[in-house]
Amino acid sequence: MASLNVYSALVVLFLTCGAAMATKENDQIIKDNNCETKMGLPCVLKAFTSIFEIGTISSKCCGELVGLGKVCHSALVKRTLENPLFKDLSPARIIAKSIQTWNNCLALIDSPSPSA
């Protein structure tokens, strides 16, 4: 549970001050698309854990992630990777996990419900 609090603090720290450390291109994409307001914090944390650590993302949060859109999703992941706090992570691994999370969520949202 303590590690979740640490990652929660990192995400909040990133959301509040990460813009100063990001490239102008990603910042502009995020600003133009209003990306930072499209997901609730609980789902942001689930998506973050799924991509940057080991964790799963719920179908509800997958819905929010897909609603965020691929452009916002990609820009936010790239901006996070630019943050010095994450300099020891492998960008290729994180981008692969990001794509995997996106594709899994897209498949989950696009699949018909069992009751249909």
PDB file of N, CA and C in Angstrom:
ATOM      1  N   MET A   1       0.824  -1.188   0.000  1.00  0.00           N
ATOM      2  CA  MET A   1       0.000   0.000   0.000  1.00  0.00           C
ATOM      3  C   MET A   1       0.867   1.250   0.000  1.00  0.00           C
ATOM      4  N   ALA A   2       2.009   1.193   0.654  1.00  0.00           N
ATOM      5  CA  ALA A   2       2.893   2.360   0.681  1.00  0.00           C
ATOM      6  C   ALA A   2       3.388   2.691  -0.714  1.00  0.00           C
ATOM      7  N   SER A   3       3.662   1.652  -1.540  1.00  0.00           N
ATOM      8  CA  SER A   3       4.144   1.942  -2.891  1.00  0.00           C
ATOM      9  C   SER A   3       3.071   2.636  -3.709  1.00  0.00           C
ATOM     10  N   LEU A   4       1.809   2.298  -3.503  1.00  0.00           N
ATOM     11  CA  LEU A   4       0.731   2.981  -4.213  1.00  0.00           C
ATOM     12  C   LEU A   4       0.709   4.450  -3.828  1.00  0.00           C
ATOM     13  N   ASN A   5       0.925   4.753  -2.554  1.00  0.00           N
ATOM     14  CA  ASN A   5       0.958   6.147  -2.122  1.00  0.00           C
ATOM     15  C   ASN A   5       2.130   6.894  -2.740  1.00  0.00           C
ATOM     16  N   VAL A   6       3.264   6.224  -2.877  1.00  0.00           N
ATOM     17  CA  VAL A   6       4.426   6.850  -3.500  1.00  0.00           C
ATOM     18  C   VAL A   6       4.117   7.154  -4.959  1.00  0.00           C
ATOM     19  N   TYR A   7       3.534   6.196  -5.661  1.00  0.00           N
ATOM     20  CA  TYR A   7       3.216   6.420  -7.068  1.00  0.00           C
ATOM     21  C   TYR A   7       2.111   7.446  -7.229  1.00  0.00           C
ATOM     22  N   SER A   8       1.165   7.460  -6.312  1.00  0.00           N
ATOM     23  CA  SER A   8       0.124   8.497  -6.337  1.00  0.00           C
ATOM     24  C   SER A   8       0.761   9.867  -6.199  1.00  0.00           C
ATOM     25  N   ALA A   9       1.702   9.988  -5.286  1.00  0.00           N
ATOM     26  CA  ALA A   9       2.385  11.263  -5.083  1.00  0.00           C
ATOM     27  C   ALA A   9       3.184  11.645  -6.321  1.00  0.00           C
ATOM     28  N   LEU A  10       3.838  10.667  -6.959  1.00  0.00           N
ATOM     29  CA  LEU A  10       4.597  10.956  -8.172  1.00  0.00           C
ATOM     30  C   LEU A  10       3.693  11.419  -9.301  1.00  0.00           C
ATOM     31  N   VAL A  11       2.543  10.772  -9.446  1.00  0.00           N
ATOM     32  CA  VAL A  11       1.604  11.169 -10.493  1.00  0.00           C
ATOM     33  C   VAL A  11       1.103  12.579 -10.238  1.00  0.00           C
ATOM     34  N   VAL A  12       0.719  12.865  -9.011  1.00  0.00           N
ATOM     35  CA  VAL A  12       0.242  14.211  -8.678  1.00  0.00           C
ATOM     36  C   VAL A  12       1.352  15.224  -8.897  1.00  0.00           C
ATOM     37  N   LEU A  13       2.566  14.889  -8.479  1.00  0.00           N
ATOM     38  CA  LEU A  13       3.706  15.775  -8.700  1.00  0.00           C
ATOM     39  C   LEU A  13       3.900  16.005 -10.190  1.00  0.00           C
ATOM     40  N   PHE A  14       3.828  14.956 -10.952  1.00  0.00           N
ATOM     41  CA  PHE A  14       3.998  15.082 -12.393  1.00  0.00           C
ATOM     42  C   PHE A  14       2.913  15.955 -13.010  1.00  0.00           C
ATOM     43  N   LEU A  15       1.682  15.731 -12.612  1.00  0.00           N
ATOM     44  CA  LEU A  15       0.583  16.505 -13.188  1.00  0.00           C
ATOM     45  C   LEU A  15       0.676  17.983 -12.842  1.00  0.00           C
ATOM     46  N   THR A  16       1.237  18.295 -11.689  1.00  0.00           N
ATOM     47  CA  THR A  16       1.298  19.692 -11.286  1.00  0.00           C
ATOM     48  C   THR A  16       2.541  20.405 -11.784  1.00  0.00           C
ATOM     49  N   CYS A  17       3.659  19.695 -11.933  1.00  0.00           N
ATOM     50  CA  CYS A  17       4.875  20.397 -12.353  1.00  0.00           C
ATOM     51  C   CYS A  17       5.529  19.790 -13.580  1.00  0.00           C
ATOM     52  N   GLY A  18       4.994  18.719 -14.101  1.00  0.00           N
ATOM     53  CA  GLY A  18       5.600  18.061 -15.251  1.00  0.00           C
ATOM     54  C   GLY A  18       5.605  18.909 -16.501  1.00  0.00           C
ATOM     55  N   ALA A  19       4.654  19.832 -16.631  1.00  0.00           N
ATOM     56  CA  ALA A  19       4.577  20.647 -17.837  1.00  0.00           C
ATOM     57  C   ALA A  19       5.834  21.475 -18.034  1.00  0.00           C
ATOM     58  N   ALA A  20       6.452  21.896 -16.967  1.00  0.00           N
ATOM     59  CA  ALA A  20       7.659  22.711 -17.088  1.00  0.00           C
ATOM     60  C   ALA A  20       8.824  21.901 -17.644  1.00  0.00           C
ATOM     61  N   MET A  21       8.762  20.583 -17.535  1.00  0.00           N
ATOM     62  CA  MET A  21       9.864  19.744 -17.967  1.00  0.00           C
ATOM     63  C   MET A  21       9.594  19.052 -19.302  1.00  0.00           C
ATOM     64  N   ALA A  22       8.428  19.232 -19.864  1.00  0.00           N
ATOM     65  CA  ALA A  22       8.047  18.513 -21.076  1.00  0.00           C
ATOM     66  C   ALA A  22       8.409  19.301 -22.326  1.00  0.00           C
ATOM     67  N   THR A  23       8.440  18.603 -23.446  1.00  0.00           N
ATOM     68  CA  THR A  23       8.693  19.303 -24.695  1.00  0.00           C
ATOM     69  C   THR A  23       7.476  20.121 -25.062  1.00  0.00           C
ATOM     70  N   LYS A  24       7.717  21.150 -25.841  1.00  0.00           N
ATOM     71  CA  LYS A  24       6.629  22.033 -26.257  1.00  0.00           C
ATOM     72  C   LYS A  24       5.610  21.290 -27.108  1.00  0.00           C
ATOM     73  N   GLU A  25       6.074  20.336 -27.912  1.00  0.00           N
ATOM     74  CA  GLU A  25       5.159  19.597 -28.783  1.00  0.00           C
ATOM     75  C   GLU A  25       4.128  18.821 -27.969  1.00  0.00           C
ATOM     76  N   ASN A  26       4.592  18.037 -27.003  1.00  0.00           N
ATOM     77  CA  ASN A  26       3.652  17.277 -26.174  1.00  0.00           C
ATOM     78  C   ASN A  26       2.780  18.204 -25.350  1.00  0.00           C
ATOM     79  N   ASP A  27       3.360  19.266 -24.818  1.00  0.00           N
ATOM     80  CA  ASP A  27       2.571  20.243 -24.056  1.00  0.00           C
ATOM     81  C   ASP A  27       1.461  20.830 -24.911  1.00  0.00           C
ATOM     82  N   GLN A  28       1.788  21.149 -26.152  1.00  0.00           N
ATOM     83  CA  GLN A  28       0.790  21.753 -27.030  1.00  0.00           C
ATOM     84  C   GLN A  28      -0.331  20.765 -27.344  1.00  0.00           C
ATOM     85  N   ILE A  29       0.021  19.534 -27.600  1.00  0.00           N
ATOM     86  CA  ILE A  29      -0.990  18.488 -27.857  1.00  0.00           C
ATOM     87  C   ILE A  29      -1.892  18.344 -26.640  1.00  0.00           C
ATOM     88  N   ILE A  30      -1.291  18.279 -25.469  1.00  0.00           N
ATOM     89  CA  ILE A  30      -2.050  18.102 -24.230  1.00  0.00           C
ATOM     90  C   ILE A  30      -2.962  19.296 -23.985  1.00  0.00           C
ATOM     91  N   LYS A  31      -2.443  20.487 -24.216  1.00  0.00           N
ATOM     92  CA  LYS A  31      -3.239  21.705 -24.019  1.00  0.00           C
ATOM     93  C   LYS A  31      -4.369  21.792 -25.043  1.00  0.00           C
ATOM     94  N   ASP A  32      -4.036  21.610 -26.324  1.00  0.00           N
ATOM     95  CA  ASP A  32      -5.033  21.738 -27.398  1.00  0.00           C
ATOM     96  C   ASP A  32      -6.181  20.746 -27.244  1.00  0.00           C
ATOM     97  N   ASN A  33      -5.890  19.567 -26.712  1.00  0.00           N
ATOM     98  CA  ASN A  33      -6.902  18.517 -26.582  1.00  0.00           C
ATOM     99  C   ASN A  33      -7.492  18.416 -25.186  1.00  0.00           C
ATOM    100  N   ASN A  34      -7.084  19.332 -24.297  1.00  0.00           N
ATOM    101  CA  ASN A  34      -7.612  19.351 -22.925  1.00  0.00           C
ATOM    102  C   ASN A  34      -7.443  17.982 -22.254  1.00  0.00           C
ATOM    103  N   CYS A  35      -6.283  17.368 -22.481  1.00  0.00           N
ATOM    104  CA  CYS A  35      -6.043  15.987 -22.060  1.00  0.00           C
ATOM    105  C   CYS A  35      -6.073  15.772 -20.546  1.00  0.00           C
ATOM    106  N   GLU A  36      -5.613  16.739 -19.773  1.00  0.00           N
ATOM    107  CA  GLU A  36      -5.451  16.514 -18.337  1.00  0.00           C
ATOM    108  C   GLU A  36      -6.762  16.522 -17.554  1.00  0.00           C
ATOM    109  N   THR A  37      -7.862  16.817 -18.209  1.00  0.00           N
ATOM    110  CA  THR A  37      -9.138  16.855 -17.497  1.00  0.00           C
ATOM    111  C   THR A  37     -10.092  15.752 -17.937  1.00  0.00           C
ATOM    112  N   LYS A  38      -9.657  14.866 -18.808  1.00  0.00           N
ATOM    113  CA  LYS A  38     -10.558  13.869 -19.391  1.00  0.00           C
ATOM    114  C   LYS A  38     -10.673  12.571 -18.598  1.00  0.00           C
ATOM    115  N   MET A  39      -9.791  12.355 -17.615  1.00  0.00           N
ATOM    116  CA  MET A  39      -9.847  11.146 -16.794  1.00  0.00           C
ATOM    117  C   MET A  39      -9.846  11.540 -15.336  1.00  0.00           C
ATOM    118  N   GLY A  40     -10.569  10.768 -14.523  1.00  0.00           N
ATOM    119  CA  GLY A  40     -10.550  10.977 -13.089  1.00  0.00           C
ATOM    120  C   GLY A  40      -9.249  10.459 -12.497  1.00  0.00           C
ATOM    121  N   LEU A  41      -8.851  11.020 -11.367  1.00  0.00           N
ATOM    122  CA  LEU A  41      -7.588  10.645 -10.735  1.00  0.00           C
ATOM    123  C   LEU A  41      -7.486   9.144 -10.429  1.00  0.00           C
ATOM    124  N   PRO A  42      -8.541   8.481  -9.928  1.00  0.00           N
ATOM    125  CA  PRO A  42      -8.401   7.034  -9.675  1.00  0.00           C
ATOM    126  C   PRO A  42      -8.027   6.252 -10.937  1.00  0.00           C
ATOM    127  N   CYS A  43      -8.612   6.622 -12.071  1.00  0.00           N
ATOM    128  CA  CYS A  43      -8.291   5.918 -13.321  1.00  0.00           C
ATOM    129  C   CYS A  43      -6.936   6.336 -13.868  1.00  0.00           C
ATOM    130  N   VAL A  44      -6.538   7.579 -13.641  1.00  0.00           N
ATOM    131  CA  VAL A  44      -5.185   8.001 -14.020  1.00  0.00           C
ATOM    132  C   VAL A  44      -4.165   7.134 -13.283  1.00  0.00           C
ATOM    133  N   LEU A  45      -4.395   6.926 -11.993  1.00  0.00           N
ATOM    134  CA  LEU A  45      -3.474   6.113 -11.191  1.00  0.00           C
ATOM    135  C   LEU A  45      -3.452   4.666 -11.675  1.00  0.00           C
ATOM    136  N   LYS A  46      -4.609   4.111 -12.019  1.00  0.00           N
ATOM    137  CA  LYS A  46      -4.668   2.729 -12.517  1.00  0.00           C
ATOM    138  C   LYS A  46      -3.922   2.604 -13.841  1.00  0.00           C
ATOM    139  N   ALA A  47      -4.149   3.570 -14.742  1.00  0.00           N
ATOM    140  CA  ALA A  47      -3.464   3.537 -16.038  1.00  0.00           C
ATOM    141  C   ALA A  47      -1.965   3.700 -15.848  1.00  0.00           C
ATOM    142  N   PHE A  48      -1.579   4.622 -14.987  1.00  0.00           N
ATOM    143  CA  PHE A  48      -0.153   4.848 -14.700  1.00  0.00           C
ATOM    144  C   PHE A  48       0.499   3.566 -14.190  1.00  0.00           C
ATOM    145  N   THR A  49      -0.134   2.909 -13.231  1.00  0.00           N
ATOM    146  CA  THR A  49       0.406   1.676 -12.662  1.00  0.00           C
ATOM    147  C   THR A  49       0.493   0.588 -13.725  1.00  0.00           C
ATOM    148  N   SER A  50      -0.518   0.505 -14.574  1.00  0.00           N
ATOM    149  CA  SER A  50      -0.532  -0.504 -15.627  1.00  0.00           C
ATOM    150  C   SER A  50       0.601  -0.308 -16.625  1.00  0.00           C
ATOM    151  N   ILE A  51       0.961   0.947 -16.875  1.00  0.00           N
ATOM    152  CA  ILE A  51       1.985   1.245 -17.873  1.00  0.00           C
ATOM    153  C   ILE A  51       3.383   1.326 -17.267  1.00  0.00           C
ATOM    154  N   PHE A  52       3.511   2.014 -16.146  1.00  0.00           N
ATOM    155  CA  PHE A  52       4.834   2.286 -15.588  1.00  0.00           C
ATOM    156  C   PHE A  52       5.259   1.308 -14.511  1.00  0.00           C
ATOM    157  N   GLU A  53       4.359   0.487 -14.033  1.00  0.00           N
ATOM    158  CA  GLU A  53       4.668  -0.521 -13.020  1.00  0.00           C
ATOM    159  C   GLU A  53       4.003  -1.822 -13.445  1.00  0.00           C
ATOM    160  N   ILE A  54       3.548  -2.591 -12.477  1.00  0.00           N
ATOM    161  CA  ILE A  54       2.826  -3.827 -12.747  1.00  0.00           C
ATOM    162  C   ILE A  54       1.458  -3.681 -12.119  1.00  0.00           C
ATOM    163  N   GLY A  55       0.450  -3.768 -12.923  1.00  0.00           N
ATOM    164  CA  GLY A  55      -0.903  -3.635 -12.412  1.00  0.00           C
ATOM    165  C   GLY A  55      -1.896  -3.825 -13.538  1.00  0.00           C
ATOM    166  N   THR A  56      -3.139  -3.854 -13.146  1.00  0.00           N
ATOM    167  CA  THR A  56      -4.205  -4.013 -14.123  1.00  0.00           C
ATOM    168  C   THR A  56      -5.071  -2.761 -14.118  1.00  0.00           C
ATOM    169  N   ILE A  57      -5.817  -2.619 -15.169  1.00  0.00           N
ATOM    170  CA  ILE A  57      -6.708  -1.481 -15.299  1.00  0.00           C
ATOM    171  C   ILE A  57      -8.126  -2.019 -15.474  1.00  0.00           C
ATOM    172  N   SER A  58      -9.065  -1.469 -14.736  1.00  0.00           N
ATOM    173  CA  SER A  58     -10.440  -1.959 -14.757  1.00  0.00           C
ATOM    174  C   SER A  58     -11.135  -1.570 -16.058  1.00  0.00           C
ATOM    175  N   SER A  59     -12.251  -2.236 -16.343  1.00  0.00           N
ATOM    176  CA  SER A  59     -13.008  -1.904 -17.551  1.00  0.00           C
ATOM    177  C   SER A  59     -13.523  -0.460 -17.488  1.00  0.00           C
ATOM    178  N   LYS A  60     -13.891   0.007 -16.298  1.00  0.00           N
ATOM    179  CA  LYS A  60     -14.337   1.396 -16.147  1.00  0.00           C
ATOM    180  C   LYS A  60     -13.211   2.343 -16.539  1.00  0.00           C
ATOM    181  N   CYS A  61     -12.020   2.083 -16.036  1.00  0.00           N
ATOM    182  CA  CYS A  61     -10.877   2.936 -16.352  1.00  0.00           C
ATOM    183  C   CYS A  61     -10.447   2.777 -17.806  1.00  0.00           C
ATOM    184  N   CYS A  62     -10.621   1.593 -18.361  1.00  0.00           N
ATOM    185  CA  CYS A  62     -10.358   1.419 -19.792  1.00  0.00           C
ATOM    186  C   CYS A  62     -11.289   2.326 -20.602  1.00  0.00           C
ATOM    187  N   GLY A  63     -12.542   2.404 -20.172  1.00  0.00           N
ATOM    188  CA  GLY A  63     -13.483   3.293 -20.847  1.00  0.00           C
ATOM    189  C   GLY A  63     -13.021   4.740 -20.793  1.00  0.00           C
ATOM    190  N   GLU A  64     -12.516   5.153 -19.630  1.00  0.00           N
ATOM    191  CA  GLU A  64     -12.009   6.519 -19.503  1.00  0.00           C
ATOM    192  C   GLU A  64     -10.749   6.720 -20.347  1.00  0.00           C
ATOM    193  N   LEU A  65      -9.882   5.705 -20.385  1.00  0.00           N
ATOM    194  CA  LEU A  65      -8.653   5.804 -21.177  1.00  0.00           C
ATOM    195  C   LEU A  65      -8.975   5.931 -22.666  1.00  0.00           C
ATOM    196  N   VAL A  66      -9.881   5.091 -23.147  1.00  0.00           N
ATOM    197  CA  VAL A  66     -10.274   5.158 -24.559  1.00  0.00           C
ATOM    198  C   VAL A  66     -10.974   6.490 -24.846  1.00  0.00           C
ATOM    199  N   GLY A  67     -11.777   6.961 -23.879  1.00  0.00           N
ATOM    200  CA  GLY A  67     -12.423   8.261 -24.020  1.00  0.00           C
ATOM    201  C   GLY A  67     -11.412   9.402 -24.066  1.00  0.00           C
ATOM    202  N   LEU A  68     -10.291   9.213 -23.412  1.00  0.00           N
ATOM    203  CA  LEU A  68      -9.210  10.201 -23.441  1.00  0.00           C
ATOM    204  C   LEU A  68      -8.696  10.380 -24.865  1.00  0.00           C
ATOM    205  N   GLY A  69      -8.623   9.269 -25.590  1.00  0.00           N
ATOM    206  CA  GLY A  69      -8.147   9.294 -26.969  1.00  0.00           C
ATOM    207  C   GLY A  69      -6.680   8.929 -27.072  1.00  0.00           C
ATOM    208  N   LYS A  70      -6.330   8.329 -28.192  1.00  0.00           N
ATOM    209  CA  LYS A  70      -4.963   7.850 -28.403  1.00  0.00           C
ATOM    210  C   LYS A  70      -3.955   9.003 -28.458  1.00  0.00           C
ATOM    211  N   VAL A  71      -4.341  10.131 -29.038  1.00  0.00           N
ATOM    212  CA  VAL A  71      -3.424  11.271 -29.137  1.00  0.00           C
ATOM    213  C   VAL A  71      -3.046  11.751 -27.739  1.00  0.00           C
ATOM    214  N   CYS A  72      -4.043  11.937 -26.873  1.00  0.00           N
ATOM    215  CA  CYS A  72      -3.768  12.371 -25.502  1.00  0.00           C
ATOM    216  C   CYS A  72      -2.977  11.310 -24.742  1.00  0.00           C
ATOM    217  N   HIS A  73      -3.378  10.071 -24.875  1.00  0.00           N
ATOM    218  CA  HIS A  73      -2.701   8.971 -24.195  1.00  0.00           C
ATOM    219  C   HIS A  73      -1.214   8.965 -24.543  1.00  0.00           C
ATOM    220  N   SER A  74      -0.900   9.015 -25.821  1.00  0.00           N
ATOM    221  CA  SER A  74       0.492   8.988 -26.267  1.00  0.00           C
ATOM    222  C   SER A  74       1.271  10.204 -25.776  1.00  0.00           C
ATOM    223  N   ALA A  75       0.669  11.384 -25.881  1.00  0.00           N
ATOM    224  CA  ALA A  75       1.348  12.609 -25.453  1.00  0.00           C
ATOM    225  C   ALA A  75       1.635  12.590 -23.954  1.00  0.00           C
ATOM    226  N   LEU A  76       0.684  12.108 -23.157  1.00  0.00           N
ATOM    227  CA  LEU A  76       0.881  12.056 -21.708  1.00  0.00           C
ATOM    228  C   LEU A  76       1.966  11.046 -21.320  1.00  0.00           C
ATOM    229  N   VAL A  77       1.998   9.901 -22.005  1.00  0.00           N
ATOM    230  CA  VAL A  77       3.038   8.903 -21.725  1.00  0.00           C
ATOM    231  C   VAL A  77       4.404   9.471 -22.100  1.00  0.00           C
ATOM    232  N   LYS A  78       4.500  10.088 -23.262  1.00  0.00           N
ATOM    233  CA  LYS A  78       5.784  10.668 -23.693  1.00  0.00           C
ATOM    234  C   LYS A  78       6.232  11.771 -22.737  1.00  0.00           C
ATOM    235  N   ARG A  79       5.292  12.592 -22.296  1.00  0.00           N
ATOM    236  CA  ARG A  79       5.657  13.660 -21.367  1.00  0.00           C
ATOM    237  C   ARG A  79       6.148  13.080 -20.047  1.00  0.00           C
ATOM    238  N   THR A  80       5.522  12.024 -19.589  1.00  0.00           N
ATOM    239  CA  THR A  80       5.962  11.380 -18.356  1.00  0.00           C
ATOM    240  C   THR A  80       7.387  10.852 -18.514  1.00  0.00           C
ATOM    241  N   LEU A  81       7.675  10.250 -19.648  1.00  0.00           N
ATOM    242  CA  LEU A  81       9.021   9.722 -19.893  1.00  0.00           C
ATOM    243  C   LEU A  81      10.079  10.820 -19.924  1.00  0.00           C
ATOM    244  N   GLU A  82       9.684  12.040 -20.238  1.00  0.00           N
ATOM    245  CA  GLU A  82      10.620  13.166 -20.271  1.00  0.00           C
ATOM    246  C   GLU A  82      10.940  13.689 -18.869  1.00  0.00           C
ATOM    247  N   ASN A  83      10.144  13.303 -17.905  1.00  0.00           N
ATOM    248  CA  ASN A  83      10.334  13.769 -16.536  1.00  0.00           C
ATOM    249  C   ASN A  83      11.574  13.089 -15.942  1.00  0.00           C
ATOM    250  N   PRO A  84      12.483  13.855 -15.358  1.00  0.00           N
ATOM    251  CA  PRO A  84      13.695  13.265 -14.772  1.00  0.00           C
ATOM    252  C   PRO A  84      13.423  12.192 -13.716  1.00  0.00           C
ATOM    253  N   LEU A  85      12.271  12.222 -13.080  1.00  0.00           N
ATOM    254  CA  LEU A  85      11.939  11.189 -12.097  1.00  0.00           C
ATOM    255  C   LEU A  85      11.894   9.795 -12.710  1.00  0.00           C
ATOM    256  N   PHE A  86      11.694   9.721 -14.018  1.00  0.00           N
ATOM    257  CA  PHE A  86      11.536   8.430 -14.687  1.00  0.00           C
ATOM    258  C   PHE A  86      12.695   8.134 -15.636  1.00  0.00           C
ATOM    259  N   LYS A  87      13.833   8.792 -15.442  1.00  0.00           N
ATOM    260  CA  LYS A  87      14.975   8.669 -16.346  1.00  0.00           C
ATOM    261  C   LYS A  87      15.569   7.265 -16.372  1.00  0.00           C
ATOM    262  N   ASP A  88      15.376   6.483 -15.317  1.00  0.00           N
ATOM    263  CA  ASP A  88      15.951   5.139 -15.270  1.00  0.00           C
ATOM    264  C   ASP A  88      15.073   4.079 -15.937  1.00  0.00           C
ATOM    265  N   LEU A  89      13.905   4.471 -16.387  1.00  0.00           N
ATOM    266  CA  LEU A  89      13.010   3.525 -17.054  1.00  0.00           C
ATOM    267  C   LEU A  89      13.398   3.386 -18.520  1.00  0.00           C
ATOM    268  N   SER A  90      13.114   2.229 -19.075  1.00  0.00           N
ATOM    269  CA  SER A  90      13.373   1.987 -20.492  1.00  0.00           C
ATOM    270  C   SER A  90      12.227   2.567 -21.318  1.00  0.00           C
ATOM    271  N   PRO A  91      12.495   3.609 -22.120  1.00  0.00           N
ATOM    272  CA  PRO A  91      11.412   4.188 -22.942  1.00  0.00           C
ATOM    273  C   PRO A  91      10.768   3.159 -23.867  1.00  0.00           C
ATOM    274  N   ALA A  92      11.556   2.285 -24.457  1.00  0.00           N
ATOM    275  CA  ALA A  92      10.991   1.273 -25.361  1.00  0.00           C
ATOM    276  C   ALA A  92      10.027   0.350 -24.616  1.00  0.00           C
ATOM    277  N   ARG A  93      10.398  -0.046 -23.406  1.00  0.00           N
ATOM    278  CA  ARG A  93       9.536  -0.925 -22.601  1.00  0.00           C
ATOM    279  C   ARG A  93       8.253  -0.210 -22.209  1.00  0.00           C
ATOM    280  N   ILE A  94       8.373   1.049 -21.797  1.00  0.00           N
ATOM    281  CA  ILE A  94       7.193   1.813 -21.381  1.00  0.00           C
ATOM    282  C   ILE A  94       6.270   2.060 -22.560  1.00  0.00           C
ATOM    283  N   ILE A  95       6.822   2.411 -23.707  1.00  0.00           N
ATOM    284  CA  ILE A  95       5.977   2.639 -24.888  1.00  0.00           C
ATOM    285  C   ILE A  95       5.293   1.340 -25.298  1.00  0.00           C
ATOM    286  N   ALA A  96       6.001   0.215 -25.221  1.00  0.00           N
ATOM    287  CA  ALA A  96       5.386  -1.079 -25.533  1.00  0.00           C
ATOM    288  C   ALA A  96       4.237  -1.382 -24.569  1.00  0.00           C
ATOM    289  N   LYS A  97       4.449  -1.125 -23.263  1.00  0.00           N
ATOM    290  CA  LYS A  97       3.380  -1.358 -22.280  1.00  0.00           C
ATOM    291  C   LYS A  97       2.224  -0.395 -22.498  1.00  0.00           C
ATOM    292  N   SER A  98       2.539   0.825 -22.910  1.00  0.00           N
ATOM    293  CA  SER A  98       1.507   1.813 -23.200  1.00  0.00           C
ATOM    294  C   SER A  98       0.624   1.348 -24.360  1.00  0.00           C
ATOM    295  N   ILE A  99       1.260   0.879 -25.414  1.00  0.00           N
ATOM    296  CA  ILE A  99       0.518   0.369 -26.578  1.00  0.00           C
ATOM    297  C   ILE A  99      -0.296  -0.857 -26.185  1.00  0.00           C
ATOM    298  N   GLN A 100       0.294  -1.743 -25.396  1.00  0.00           N
ATOM    299  CA  GLN A 100      -0.408  -2.946 -24.956  1.00  0.00           C
ATOM    300  C   GLN A 100      -1.629  -2.574 -24.106  1.00  0.00           C
ATOM    301  N   THR A 101      -1.452  -1.635 -23.185  1.00  0.00           N
ATOM    302  CA  THR A 101      -2.577  -1.200 -22.350  1.00  0.00           C
ATOM    303  C   THR A 101      -3.665  -0.583 -23.216  1.00  0.00           C
ATOM    304  N   TRP A 102      -3.281   0.276 -24.148  1.00  0.00           N
ATOM    305  CA  TRP A 102      -4.254   0.908 -25.047  1.00  0.00           C
ATOM    306  C   TRP A 102      -5.010  -0.156 -25.837  1.00  0.00           C
ATOM    307  N   ASN A 103      -4.284  -1.087 -26.462  1.00  0.00           N
ATOM    308  CA  ASN A 103      -4.929  -2.121 -27.282  1.00  0.00           C
ATOM    309  C   ASN A 103      -5.835  -3.023 -26.452  1.00  0.00           C
ATOM    310  N   ASN A 104      -5.399  -3.392 -25.244  1.00  0.00           N
ATOM    311  CA  ASN A 104      -6.236  -4.218 -24.365  1.00  0.00           C
ATOM    312  C   ASN A 104      -7.520  -3.476 -24.001  1.00  0.00           C
ATOM    313  N   CYS A 105      -7.392  -2.191 -23.675  1.00  0.00           N
ATOM    314  CA  CYS A 105      -8.573  -1.402 -23.315  1.00  0.00           C
ATOM    315  C   CYS A 105      -9.503  -1.242 -24.516  1.00  0.00           C
ATOM    316  N   LEU A 106      -8.931  -0.977 -25.673  1.00  0.00           N
ATOM    317  CA  LEU A 106      -9.739  -0.814 -26.876  1.00  0.00           C
ATOM    318  C   LEU A 106     -10.514  -2.094 -27.174  1.00  0.00           C
ATOM    319  N   ALA A 107      -9.843  -3.245 -27.056  1.00  0.00           N
ATOM    320  CA  ALA A 107     -10.505  -4.530 -27.290  1.00  0.00           C
ATOM    321  C   ALA A 107     -11.601  -4.771 -26.262  1.00  0.00           C
ATOM    322  N   LEU A 108     -11.344  -4.411 -25.014  1.00  0.00           N
ATOM    323  CA  LEU A 108     -12.330  -4.595 -23.956  1.00  0.00           C
ATOM    324  C   LEU A 108     -13.559  -3.717 -24.198  1.00  0.00           C
ATOM    325  N   ILE A 109     -13.348  -2.489 -24.592  1.00  0.00           N
ATOM    326  CA  ILE A 109     -14.448  -1.562 -24.824  1.00  0.00           C
ATOM    327  C   ILE A 109     -15.222  -1.919 -26.079  1.00  0.00           C
ATOM    328  N   ASP A 110     -14.515  -2.405 -27.105  1.00  0.00           N
ATOM    329  CA  ASP A 110     -15.155  -2.755 -28.375  1.00  0.00           C
ATOM    330  C   ASP A 110     -15.862  -4.106 -28.355  1.00  0.00           C
ATOM    331  N   SER A 111     -15.521  -4.948 -27.388  1.00  0.00           N
ATOM    332  CA  SER A 111     -16.116  -6.294 -27.363  1.00  0.00           C
ATOM    333  C   SER A 111     -17.542  -6.214 -26.825  1.00  0.00           C
ATOM    334  N   PRO A 112     -18.430  -7.021 -27.394  1.00  0.00           N
ATOM    335  CA  PRO A 112     -19.813  -7.018 -26.900  1.00  0.00           C
ATOM    336  C   PRO A 112     -19.896  -7.576 -25.489  1.00  0.00           C
ATOM    337  N   SER A 113     -20.827  -7.066 -24.724  1.00  0.00           N
ATOM    338  CA  SER A 113     -20.990  -7.567 -23.362  1.00  0.00           C
ATOM    339  C   SER A 113     -21.539  -8.990 -23.394  1.00  0.00           C
ATOM    340  N   PRO A 114     -21.241  -9.791 -22.360  1.00  0.00           N
ATOM    341  CA  PRO A 114     -21.702 -11.177 -22.329  1.00  0.00           C
ATOM    342  C   PRO A 114     -23.218 -11.306 -22.329  1.00  0.00           C
ATOM    343  N   SER A 115     -23.915 -10.298 -21.864  1.00  0.00           N
ATOM    344  CA  SER A 115     -25.376 -10.377 -21.794  1.00  0.00           C
ATOM    345  C   SER A 115     -26.046 -10.006 -23.112  1.00  0.00           C
ATOM    346  N   ALA A 116     -25.276  -9.527 -24.084  1.00  0.00           N
ATOM    347  CA  ALA A 116     -25.855  -9.104 -25.368  1.00  0.00           C
ATOM    348  C   ALA A 116     -26.092 -10.272 -26.284  1.00  0.00           C
TER     349      ALA A 116
END
